[in-house]
């Protein structure tokens, strides 16, 4: 019972780590896009004033 459980544990750990990295990358990308949008908005506001 020990070996299969350990294998399962490792696999779930790896998939969780992969998921974590992917979500981290996606969040970082979203954050960058948000910053760009905000910068554009501020530029537009400055131009209007």
N, C-alpha and C. Protein backbone atom coordinates (compact mmCIF):
# COMPACT_ATOMS: atom_id res chain seq x y z
N UNK A 1 0.85 -1.20 0.00
CA UNK A 1 0.00 0.00 0.00
C UNK A 1 0.89 1.26 0.00
N UNK A 2 2.03 1.17 0.63
CA UNK A 2 2.89 2.35 0.76
C UNK A 2 3.35 2.92 -0.56
N UNK A 3 3.85 2.05 -1.45
CA UNK A 3 4.42 2.54 -2.71
C UNK A 3 3.40 3.23 -3.61
N UNK A 4 2.25 2.61 -3.88
CA UNK A 4 1.25 3.28 -4.73
C UNK A 4 0.80 4.62 -4.16
N UNK A 5 0.64 4.68 -2.85
CA UNK A 5 0.21 5.93 -2.22
C UNK A 5 1.27 7.01 -2.42
N UNK A 6 2.52 6.61 -2.28
CA UNK A 6 3.61 7.57 -2.44
C UNK A 6 3.65 8.09 -3.88
N UNK A 7 3.44 7.17 -4.83
CA UNK A 7 3.43 7.55 -6.24
C UNK A 7 2.29 8.52 -6.50
N UNK A 8 1.12 8.20 -5.96
CA UNK A 8 -0.05 9.06 -6.12
C UNK A 8 0.23 10.44 -5.53
N UNK A 9 0.84 10.45 -4.36
CA UNK A 9 1.16 11.69 -3.66
C UNK A 9 2.09 12.55 -4.50
N UNK A 10 3.12 11.90 -5.08
CA UNK A 10 4.08 12.64 -5.90
C UNK A 10 3.41 13.22 -7.13
N UNK A 11 2.56 12.42 -7.76
CA UNK A 11 1.88 12.88 -8.98
C UNK A 11 0.97 14.06 -8.68
N UNK A 12 0.21 13.95 -7.61
CA UNK A 12 -0.69 15.04 -7.26
C UNK A 12 0.12 16.28 -6.89
N UNK A 13 1.26 16.06 -6.24
CA UNK A 13 2.12 17.19 -5.89
C UNK A 13 2.65 17.88 -7.12
N UNK A 14 3.08 17.08 -8.10
CA UNK A 14 3.61 17.65 -9.34
C UNK A 14 2.54 18.43 -10.09
N UNK A 15 1.35 17.84 -10.18
CA UNK A 15 0.27 18.51 -10.92
C UNK A 15 -0.14 19.79 -10.20
N UNK A 16 -0.13 19.77 -8.87
CA UNK A 16 -0.46 20.96 -8.10
C UNK A 16 0.57 22.05 -8.35
N UNK A 17 1.85 21.63 -8.38
CA UNK A 17 2.92 22.60 -8.61
C UNK A 17 2.79 23.21 -10.01
N UNK A 18 2.47 22.36 -10.98
CA UNK A 18 2.29 22.83 -12.36
C UNK A 18 1.12 23.81 -12.42
N UNK A 19 0.02 23.44 -11.78
CA UNK A 19 -1.15 24.31 -11.73
C UNK A 19 -0.80 25.65 -11.10
N UNK A 20 -0.05 25.59 -10.00
CA UNK A 20 0.35 26.79 -9.26
C UNK A 20 1.17 27.71 -10.15
N UNK A 21 2.13 27.10 -10.88
CA UNK A 21 2.99 27.90 -11.77
C UNK A 21 2.17 28.54 -12.87
N UNK A 22 1.26 27.76 -13.45
CA UNK A 22 0.44 28.28 -14.54
C UNK A 22 -0.44 29.43 -14.07
N UNK A 23 -1.07 29.25 -12.92
CA UNK A 23 -1.94 30.30 -12.40
C UNK A 23 -1.10 31.53 -12.05
N UNK A 24 0.12 31.29 -11.57
CA UNK A 24 1.02 32.40 -11.27
C UNK A 24 1.38 33.18 -12.51
N UNK A 25 1.69 32.45 -13.58
CA UNK A 25 2.03 33.09 -14.85
C UNK A 25 0.84 33.88 -15.39
N UNK A 26 -0.33 33.28 -15.31
CA UNK A 26 -1.54 33.93 -15.81
C UNK A 26 -1.82 35.20 -15.02
N UNK A 27 -1.64 35.13 -13.70
CA UNK A 27 -1.86 36.30 -12.86
C UNK A 27 -0.88 37.41 -13.20
N UNK A 28 0.38 37.01 -13.44
CA UNK A 28 1.41 37.99 -13.77
C UNK A 28 1.08 38.68 -15.09
N UNK A 29 0.62 37.89 -16.06
CA UNK A 29 0.25 38.43 -17.36
C UNK A 29 -0.92 39.40 -17.21
N UNK A 30 -1.92 38.98 -16.44
CA UNK A 30 -3.08 39.83 -16.19
C UNK A 30 -2.66 41.14 -15.54
N UNK A 31 -1.77 41.05 -14.56
CA UNK A 31 -1.29 42.21 -13.83
C UNK A 31 -0.60 43.19 -14.76
N UNK A 32 0.24 42.65 -15.67
CA UNK A 32 0.94 43.52 -16.62
C UNK A 32 -0.04 44.22 -17.55
N UNK A 33 -1.04 43.47 -18.02
CA UNK A 33 -2.05 44.06 -18.91
C UNK A 33 -2.82 45.15 -18.19
N UNK A 34 -3.12 44.90 -16.92
CA UNK A 34 -3.85 45.87 -16.11
C UNK A 34 -3.03 47.14 -15.95
N UNK A 35 -1.74 46.98 -15.68
CA UNK A 35 -0.87 48.14 -15.52
C UNK A 35 -0.81 48.96 -16.80
N UNK A 36 -0.71 48.27 -17.94
CA UNK A 36 -0.67 48.97 -19.23
C UNK A 36 -1.95 49.76 -19.44
N UNK A 37 -3.08 49.11 -19.14
CA UNK A 37 -4.38 49.77 -19.30
C UNK A 37 -4.45 51.02 -18.42
N UNK A 38 -4.01 50.88 -17.17
CA UNK A 38 -4.04 52.01 -16.24
C UNK A 38 -3.15 53.13 -16.74
N UNK A 39 -1.97 52.78 -17.24
CA UNK A 39 -1.06 53.80 -17.76
C UNK A 39 -1.70 54.55 -18.91
N UNK A 40 -2.36 53.81 -19.80
CA UNK A 40 -3.03 54.44 -20.94
C UNK A 40 -4.13 55.38 -20.45
N UNK A 41 -4.91 54.92 -19.47
CA UNK A 41 -5.99 55.74 -18.93
C UNK A 41 -5.43 57.04 -18.35
N UNK A 42 -4.35 56.93 -17.59
CA UNK A 42 -3.74 58.11 -16.99
C UNK A 42 -3.23 59.06 -18.07
N UNK A 43 -2.65 58.49 -19.12
CA UNK A 43 -2.14 59.31 -20.23
C UNK A 43 -3.29 60.05 -20.90
N UNK A 44 -4.40 59.33 -21.10
CA UNK A 44 -5.57 59.93 -21.73
C UNK A 44 -6.12 61.06 -20.86
N UNK A 45 -6.17 60.81 -19.54
CA UNK A 45 -6.67 61.82 -18.61
C UNK A 45 -5.77 63.05 -18.64
N UNK A 46 -4.45 62.84 -18.67
CA UNK A 46 -3.51 63.95 -18.70
C UNK A 46 -3.67 64.76 -19.98
N UNK A 47 -3.88 64.08 -21.08
CA UNK A 47 -4.05 64.76 -22.37
C UNK A 47 -5.33 65.59 -22.36
N UNK A 48 -6.40 65.05 -21.76
CA UNK A 48 -7.67 65.75 -21.70
C UNK A 48 -7.55 67.03 -20.87
N UNK A 49 -6.80 66.96 -19.80
CA UNK A 49 -6.61 68.13 -18.95
C UNK A 49 -5.67 69.10 -19.64
